[in-house]
């Protein structure tokens, strides 16, 4: 690589007080991004932080003249907001432009960000997940008379259609379909009767365009880290139980799951049988979707203590100060520096696969396209 060129471009959304905190809750803070840069430089990388799309496009133009193997890795810390494509934006740009990037491709990112598609994917893989419906604010009748919103597939035992919950299905839990970090999730999302449902619809339902409504799981909540790729191989960390004794919430909501602190605690005390069950099924999901890099998967127990898949995050927080993925990684695999090194190794190995052949071969001097 040209000695003047960086080997890594850290493409980051960094929390900004001028923006709505709800929009930027998943964004890293300045100290965390600087720590990542410092760690990469200690590994011998030449790193630069890019915060704005316009600057990224200019850098891609500047470095596209380099041979593919000399181009910097795009270190993916882009969360965006108010788009179901937001975590897939950078991988799509990287693949189209011919630059290696950390994290999974845009296909996997989009599927994982959609809680409905993620649960359908789990069902197809035989992984247990709580039964659910989907509710669109512009198409589901806003009424608590749910007998008029019966599902088309009423006999289904898992996905029960696009409708509000029936009285016989309480308690249920509402979550925004396309959000992460427990955005839009609080104690009032737990609905136990028709009165609570009516109140939720009146007060909160219009905040997001699409929701999933799943049968409430009352047990413990767990999380774990999976890292790898189809060519690199996969490994799953020990499973961590999430403790909320220092949190102002009784459930894992957006007040607790902030990027500015970590009131929740992680305990690696789950029994061997359930831990291995969660690890096995988490690895299976990542292998089937062909994820790349870091994946955090969240599970919760039903009333009998059985683990049920909740959701996954293919662009998990990587802060050394307040993110659960590095904690789970360090518990099982190595240091924070080891994590940064592995993410780059996987990205560079993934860049050699066939999905980047298009951008590598379609170069200006070899095409005969029409100018102008």
Protein backbone atom coordinates (compact mmCIF):
# COMPACT_ATOMS: atom_id res chain seq x y z
CA UNK A 1 0.00 0.00 0.00
CA UNK A 2 1.08 3.57 -0.63
CA UNK A 3 2.78 4.78 2.54
CA UNK A 4 0.58 7.89 2.48
CA UNK A 5 -2.64 5.88 2.36
CA UNK A 6 -4.46 4.55 5.45
CA UNK A 7 -4.85 0.81 5.81
CA UNK A 8 -8.17 1.22 7.66
CA UNK A 9 -10.92 3.82 7.32
CA UNK A 10 -13.12 3.79 10.43
CA UNK A 11 -16.54 4.72 9.08
CA UNK A 12 -18.45 5.79 12.17
CA UNK A 13 -21.66 7.39 13.31
CA UNK A 14 -20.60 9.35 16.38
CA UNK A 15 -23.14 10.63 18.89
CA UNK A 16 -24.07 14.26 18.28
CA UNK A 17 -25.97 16.45 20.78
CA UNK A 18 -27.58 18.35 17.89
CA UNK A 19 -29.54 15.26 16.80
CA UNK A 20 -32.48 13.50 18.43
CA UNK A 21 -31.08 11.12 21.09
CA UNK A 22 -33.56 8.44 20.01
CA UNK A 23 -32.09 8.54 16.50
CA UNK A 24 -28.49 8.31 17.67
CA UNK A 25 -28.79 5.94 20.64
CA UNK A 26 -27.05 3.14 18.72
CA UNK A 27 -24.18 5.41 17.66
CA UNK A 28 -20.82 5.11 19.42
CA UNK A 29 -19.45 8.01 21.42
CA UNK A 30 -16.27 9.85 20.49
CA UNK A 31 -14.13 8.16 23.15
CA UNK A 32 -15.08 4.67 21.97
CA UNK A 33 -14.26 5.43 18.33
CA UNK A 34 -10.93 6.97 19.32
CA UNK A 35 -10.15 3.87 21.40
CA UNK A 36 -10.79 1.66 18.37
CA UNK A 37 -8.48 3.84 16.30
CA UNK A 38 -5.79 3.68 18.98
CA UNK A 39 -6.08 -0.10 19.22
CA UNK A 40 -5.81 -0.52 15.43
CA UNK A 41 -2.73 1.69 15.36
CA UNK A 42 -1.11 -0.42 18.08
CA UNK A 43 -1.67 -3.39 15.75
CA UNK A 44 0.39 -1.60 13.10
CA UNK A 45 -2.52 -0.23 11.05
CA UNK A 46 -2.71 3.31 9.76
CA UNK A 47 -6.24 4.36 10.67
CA UNK A 48 -8.40 7.36 9.85
CA UNK A 49 -11.89 8.20 11.13
CA UNK A 50 -14.56 9.13 8.57
CA UNK A 51 -17.81 10.51 10.00
CA UNK A 52 -19.74 11.89 7.01
CA UNK A 53 -21.02 10.22 3.80
CA UNK A 54 -19.67 12.97 1.55
CA UNK A 55 -16.17 12.54 2.94
CA UNK A 56 -16.37 8.77 2.53
CA UNK A 57 -17.36 9.10 -1.13
CA UNK A 58 -14.39 11.37 -1.72
CA UNK A 59 -12.02 8.90 -0.04
CA UNK A 60 -13.40 6.02 -2.10
CA UNK A 61 -12.78 8.05 -5.23
CA UNK A 62 -9.24 8.89 -4.11
CA UNK A 63 -8.31 5.28 -3.27
CA UNK A 64 -10.14 3.49 -6.08
CA UNK A 65 -7.03 3.95 -8.27
CA UNK A 66 -5.12 1.65 -5.90
CA UNK A 67 -4.88 -2.03 -6.69
CA UNK A 68 -7.68 -3.91 -4.85
CA UNK A 69 -5.23 -5.52 -2.45
CA UNK A 70 -3.89 -2.10 -1.47
CA UNK A 71 -7.23 -0.49 -0.66
CA UNK A 72 -8.05 0.30 2.97
CA UNK A 73 -10.51 -1.80 4.97
CA UNK A 74 -13.72 0.07 5.78
CA UNK A 75 -14.30 -0.53 9.49
CA UNK A 76 -18.08 -0.60 9.76
CA UNK A 77 -19.57 1.49 12.60
CA UNK A 78 -22.47 2.99 10.64
CA UNK A 79 -25.87 2.69 12.33
CA UNK A 80 -27.90 5.38 10.57
CA UNK A 81 -31.51 5.95 11.60
CA UNK A 82 -35.11 5.77 10.35
CA UNK A 83 -34.37 3.33 7.54
CA UNK A 84 -34.72 -0.43 7.36
CA UNK A 85 -31.54 -0.41 5.24
CA UNK A 86 -29.43 1.58 7.65
CA UNK A 87 -26.94 -1.07 8.77
CA UNK A 88 -26.64 -2.36 5.19
CA UNK A 89 -25.66 0.99 3.65
CA UNK A 90 -21.91 0.72 4.15
CA UNK A 91 -21.53 -2.96 3.12
CA UNK A 92 -23.43 -2.24 -0.10
CA UNK A 93 -21.23 0.76 -0.91
CA UNK A 94 -18.08 -1.21 -0.10
CA UNK A 95 -19.04 -4.18 -2.27
CA UNK A 96 -20.08 -1.99 -5.20
CA UNK A 97 -16.93 0.14 -4.95
CA UNK A 98 -14.52 -2.74 -4.41
CA UNK A 99 -13.31 -2.11 -0.85
CA UNK A 100 -12.98 -4.67 1.95
CA UNK A 101 -15.16 -4.02 4.99
CA UNK A 102 -15.69 -5.45 8.45
CA UNK A 103 -19.03 -7.03 9.24
CA UNK A 104 -21.58 -8.95 7.22
CA UNK A 105 -22.79 -8.15 3.71
CA UNK A 106 -25.86 -6.03 3.03
CA UNK A 107 -28.17 -9.04 2.54
CA UNK A 108 -27.43 -10.43 5.99
CA UNK A 109 -27.56 -6.98 7.58
CA UNK A 110 -31.02 -6.27 6.18
CA UNK A 111 -32.44 -9.62 7.24
CA UNK A 112 -31.06 -9.32 10.76
CA UNK A 113 -32.42 -5.80 11.23
CA UNK A 114 -35.96 -7.00 10.39
CA UNK A 115 -37.24 -8.82 13.49
CA UNK A 116 -40.06 -10.43 11.49
CA UNK A 117 -37.76 -11.86 8.81
CA UNK A 118 -35.27 -12.93 11.48
CA UNK A 119 -37.93 -14.93 13.29
CA UNK A 120 -39.13 -16.49 10.01
CA UNK A 121 -35.51 -17.43 9.30
CA UNK A 122 -35.27 -19.04 12.74
CA UNK A 123 -38.46 -21.02 12.20
CA UNK A 124 -37.12 -22.31 8.87
CA UNK A 125 -33.94 -23.44 10.65
CA UNK A 126 -35.81 -25.17 13.47
CA UNK A 127 -34.61 -22.65 16.08
CA UNK A 128 -37.23 -21.90 18.75
CA UNK A 129 -38.66 -18.40 18.96
CA UNK A 130 -41.73 -16.92 20.61
CA UNK A 131 -44.99 -16.84 18.53
CA UNK A 132 -45.66 -13.41 17.01
CA UNK A 133 -47.77 -11.17 14.81
CA UNK A 134 -46.77 -8.06 12.84
CA UNK A 135 -48.60 -4.74 13.07
CA UNK A 136 -48.26 -1.91 10.55
CA UNK A 137 -49.45 1.44 11.86
CA UNK A 138 -50.88 2.44 8.46
CA UNK A 139 -52.61 -0.83 7.62
CA UNK A 140 -53.67 -2.49 10.86
CA UNK A 141 -56.99 -1.19 12.09
CA UNK A 142 -56.38 0.79 15.25
CA UNK A 143 -58.96 -0.86 17.47
CA UNK A 144 -58.99 -3.18 20.43
CA UNK A 145 -61.84 -5.16 18.86
CA UNK A 146 -59.33 -7.68 17.56
CA UNK A 147 -61.95 -10.20 16.47
CA UNK A 148 -62.10 -8.16 13.25
CA UNK A 149 -58.37 -8.67 12.69
CA UNK A 150 -58.16 -12.45 12.60
CA UNK A 151 -55.05 -13.84 10.85
CA UNK A 152 -55.21 -15.60 7.53
CA UNK A 153 -53.19 -18.46 8.98
CA UNK A 154 -55.06 -18.85 12.26
CA UNK A 155 -53.82 -22.41 12.73
CA UNK A 156 -50.17 -21.33 12.79
CA UNK A 157 -48.40 -21.97 16.07
CA UNK A 158 -45.55 -19.51 15.46
CA UNK A 159 -46.26 -16.68 13.00
CA UNK A 160 -49.89 -15.67 13.45
CA UNK A 161 -50.31 -13.07 10.73
CA UNK A 162 -50.61 -9.29 10.40
CA UNK A 163 -52.97 -8.19 13.14
CA UNK A 164 -53.34 -7.01 16.69
CA UNK A 165 -53.21 -9.65 19.43
CA UNK A 166 -56.30 -11.55 20.52
CA UNK A 167 -57.41 -11.39 24.13
CA UNK A 168 -56.57 -15.07 24.54
CA UNK A 169 -52.94 -14.34 23.59
CA UNK A 170 -52.09 -11.93 26.43
CA UNK A 171 -49.53 -11.22 27.78
CA UNK A 172 -47.69 -9.99 24.71
CA UNK A 173 -44.75 -7.70 24.08
CA UNK A 174 -44.48 -5.05 21.34
CA UNK A 175 -41.18 -4.14 19.66
CA UNK A 176 -40.39 -1.82 16.74
CA UNK A 177 -39.75 -4.15 13.82
CA UNK A 178 -36.66 -2.43 12.36
CA UNK A 179 -34.90 -0.96 15.41
CA UNK A 180 -32.07 -2.16 17.64
CA UNK A 181 -30.65 -1.33 21.08
CA UNK A 182 -34.16 -1.74 22.53
CA UNK A 183 -35.27 1.49 20.85
CA UNK A 184 -38.96 2.02 21.42
CA UNK A 185 -38.96 -0.64 24.15
CA UNK A 186 -40.07 0.10 27.69
CA UNK A 187 -42.15 -1.37 30.48
CA UNK A 188 -45.37 -0.14 28.86
CA UNK A 189 -44.65 -2.41 25.86
CA UNK A 190 -45.71 -5.37 27.99
CA UNK A 191 -49.44 -5.74 27.35
CA UNK A 192 -51.52 -7.86 29.73
CA UNK A 193 -55.10 -6.99 28.77
CA UNK A 194 -57.33 -5.03 26.39
CA UNK A 195 -57.12 -1.87 28.47
CA UNK A 196 -53.30 -1.85 28.31
CA UNK A 197 -53.45 -2.54 24.57
CA UNK A 198 -55.78 0.41 24.01
CA UNK A 199 -53.48 2.67 26.06
CA UNK A 200 -50.41 1.51 24.14
CA UNK A 201 -52.07 2.14 20.78
CA UNK A 202 -53.12 5.61 21.84
CA UNK A 203 -49.78 6.63 23.37
CA UNK A 204 -46.98 4.85 21.52
CA UNK A 205 -48.11 2.88 18.48
CA UNK A 206 -47.67 5.74 16.01
CA UNK A 207 -43.99 6.27 16.89
CA UNK A 208 -42.82 3.54 14.50
CA UNK A 209 -44.14 2.38 11.15
CA UNK A 210 -44.03 -1.35 11.89
CA UNK A 211 -44.10 -3.52 15.00
CA UNK A 212 -43.84 -7.14 15.95
CA UNK A 213 -46.00 -8.39 18.80
CA UNK A 214 -44.74 -11.58 20.38
CA UNK A 215 -45.90 -13.81 23.19
CA UNK A 216 -44.18 -12.52 26.31
CA UNK A 217 -41.23 -14.50 27.62
CA UNK A 218 -40.99 -14.00 31.40
CA UNK A 219 -37.62 -15.65 32.08
CA UNK A 220 -33.97 -14.68 32.13
CA UNK A 221 -32.36 -12.93 29.17
CA UNK A 222 -29.01 -13.99 27.73
CA UNK A 223 -26.55 -12.75 25.14
CA UNK A 224 -23.45 -14.13 23.43
CA UNK A 225 -20.89 -13.25 20.78
CA UNK A 226 -20.33 -15.16 17.55
CA UNK A 227 -17.40 -14.25 15.31
CA UNK A 228 -16.29 -15.67 11.99
CA UNK A 229 -17.25 -16.15 8.34
CA UNK A 230 -17.85 -19.07 5.95
CA UNK A 231 -14.17 -19.15 4.98
CA UNK A 232 -12.74 -18.20 8.38
CA UNK A 233 -14.98 -20.52 10.39
CA UNK A 234 -17.21 -19.61 13.35
CA UNK A 235 -16.93 -19.70 17.11
CA UNK A 236 -19.41 -18.84 19.87
CA UNK A 237 -18.52 -17.28 23.19
CA UNK A 238 -19.79 -18.32 26.57
CA UNK A 239 -23.38 -17.26 27.20
CA UNK A 240 -23.93 -14.27 29.49
CA UNK A 241 -26.97 -13.72 31.67
CA UNK A 242 -28.09 -10.08 31.68
CA UNK A 243 -28.58 -8.68 35.19
CA UNK A 244 -30.69 -5.55 35.67
CA UNK A 245 -30.29 -5.05 39.41
CA UNK A 246 -28.54 -1.69 38.82
CA UNK A 247 -30.97 -0.58 36.11
CA UNK A 248 -33.99 1.71 36.61
CA UNK A 249 -36.00 -0.75 34.45
CA UNK A 250 -37.33 -4.19 35.25
CA UNK A 251 -36.81 -5.26 31.63
CA UNK A 252 -34.05 -4.69 29.09
CA UNK A 253 -35.36 -1.48 27.48
CA UNK A 254 -34.00 1.66 25.87
CA UNK A 255 -33.33 3.38 29.21
CA UNK A 256 -30.90 0.62 30.16
CA UNK A 257 -29.46 -0.16 26.75
CA UNK A 258 -27.84 3.20 26.11
CA UNK A 259 -24.46 3.79 24.48
CA UNK A 260 -23.40 6.24 27.19
CA UNK A 261 -23.23 3.81 30.11
CA UNK A 262 -23.73 0.15 30.98
CA UNK A 263 -25.99 -0.26 34.02
CA UNK A 264 -26.68 -3.88 33.08
CA UNK A 265 -24.30 -6.58 34.29
CA UNK A 266 -23.22 -9.76 32.51
CA UNK A 267 -22.93 -13.02 34.45
CA UNK A 268 -21.44 -16.14 32.89
CA UNK A 269 -23.28 -18.58 35.14
CA UNK A 270 -25.73 -20.41 32.88
CA UNK A 271 -25.88 -24.17 33.27
CA UNK A 272 -23.95 -26.24 30.73
CA UNK A 273 -26.95 -27.82 28.99
CA UNK A 274 -28.76 -24.59 28.15
CA UNK A 275 -25.52 -22.76 27.40
CA UNK A 276 -24.50 -25.37 24.84
CA UNK A 277 -28.02 -25.31 23.38
CA UNK A 278 -27.84 -21.55 22.83
CA UNK A 279 -24.31 -21.74 21.41
CA UNK A 280 -25.22 -24.56 19.01
CA UNK A 281 -28.30 -22.83 17.63
CA UNK A 282 -26.57 -19.44 17.41
CA UNK A 283 -23.76 -20.95 15.37
CA UNK A 284 -26.30 -22.67 13.13
CA UNK A 285 -28.07 -19.39 12.41
CA UNK A 286 -24.82 -17.59 11.57
CA UNK A 287 -23.67 -20.41 9.33
CA UNK A 288 -26.99 -20.51 7.46
CA UNK A 289 -27.07 -16.75 6.89
CA UNK A 290 -23.31 -16.71 6.15
CA UNK A 291 -22.59 -13.83 8.48
CA UNK A 292 -19.16 -12.26 8.61
CA UNK A 293 -17.34 -10.66 11.50
CA UNK A 294 -19.11 -9.84 14.76
CA UNK A 295 -22.64 -11.01 15.61
CA UNK A 296 -24.37 -10.60 18.96
CA UNK A 297 -27.38 -12.86 19.56
CA UNK A 298 -29.99 -12.36 22.28
CA UNK A 299 -32.06 -15.14 23.85
CA UNK A 300 -34.74 -15.24 26.58
CA UNK A 301 -36.32 -17.99 28.66
CA UNK A 302 -39.96 -18.97 28.47
CA UNK A 303 -42.01 -19.80 31.57
CA UNK A 304 -40.33 -23.20 31.81
CA UNK A 305 -36.79 -21.83 31.45
CA UNK A 306 -36.33 -22.98 27.83
CA UNK A 307 -34.14 -20.66 25.72
CA UNK A 308 -35.98 -18.88 22.88
CA UNK A 309 -34.30 -16.75 20.21
CA UNK A 310 -35.08 -13.03 20.50
CA UNK A 311 -33.01 -11.18 17.91
CA UNK A 312 -29.51 -10.66 16.58
CA UNK A 313 -27.32 -7.69 15.76
CA UNK A 314 -24.79 -7.91 12.91
CA UNK A 315 -23.45 -4.43 13.67
CA UNK A 316 -23.11 -4.78 17.45
CA UNK A 317 -21.57 -2.12 19.63
CA UNK A 318 -17.80 -2.52 19.85
CA UNK A 319 -17.01 -0.04 22.60
CA UNK A 320 -14.46 -1.25 25.11
CA UNK A 321 -16.36 0.77 27.75
CA UNK A 322 -20.02 -0.23 27.50
CA UNK A 323 -20.68 -2.89 24.83
CA UNK A 324 -21.59 -6.49 25.62
CA UNK A 325 -20.00 -8.04 22.51
CA UNK A 326 -16.38 -7.24 23.53
CA UNK A 327 -17.13 -8.46 27.07
CA UNK A 328 -18.40 -11.80 25.77
CA UNK A 329 -15.47 -12.05 23.34
CA UNK A 330 -12.91 -11.32 26.07
CA UNK A 331 -14.50 -13.89 28.37
CA UNK A 332 -13.88 -16.66 25.82
CA UNK A 333 -11.35 -15.75 23.16
CA UNK A 334 -8.85 -13.04 24.01
CA UNK A 335 -8.19 -9.35 24.49
CA UNK A 336 -9.86 -6.35 22.92
CA UNK A 337 -6.82 -6.07 20.67
CA UNK A 338 -7.36 -9.69 19.57
CA UNK A 339 -10.93 -8.79 18.64
CA UNK A 340 -9.83 -5.86 16.46
CA UNK A 341 -7.21 -8.04 14.78
CA UNK A 342 -9.69 -10.81 14.04
CA UNK A 343 -12.23 -8.41 12.56
CA UNK A 344 -9.62 -7.12 10.11
CA UNK A 345 -8.41 -10.63 9.26
CA UNK A 346 -11.94 -11.74 8.47
CA UNK A 347 -12.60 -8.63 6.37
CA UNK A 348 -9.45 -9.13 4.30
CA UNK A 349 -10.19 -12.81 3.82
CA UNK A 350 -13.79 -12.07 2.82
CA UNK A 351 -12.50 -9.58 0.23
CA UNK A 352 -10.97 -12.52 -1.65
CA UNK A 353 -14.36 -14.20 -2.14
CA UNK A 354 -16.50 -14.11 -5.27
CA UNK A 355 -18.91 -11.40 -4.17
CA UNK A 356 -16.16 -8.81 -4.76
CA UNK A 357 -15.28 -10.07 -8.25
CA UNK A 358 -17.78 -7.74 -9.92
CA UNK A 359 -16.20 -4.58 -8.53
CA UNK A 360 -12.66 -5.85 -9.12
CA UNK A 361 -13.26 -6.76 -12.75
CA UNK A 362 -15.53 -3.90 -13.76
CA UNK A 363 -12.85 -1.23 -13.94
CA UNK A 364 -13.00 1.80 -16.18
CA UNK A 365 -10.24 0.85 -18.60
CA UNK A 366 -11.87 -2.52 -19.34
CA UNK A 367 -15.39 -1.34 -20.02
CA UNK A 368 -16.92 0.04 -23.18
CA UNK A 369 -19.86 1.82 -21.61
CA UNK A 370 -21.40 4.99 -22.97
CA UNK A 371 -19.99 8.18 -21.46
CA UNK A 372 -22.21 11.03 -20.47
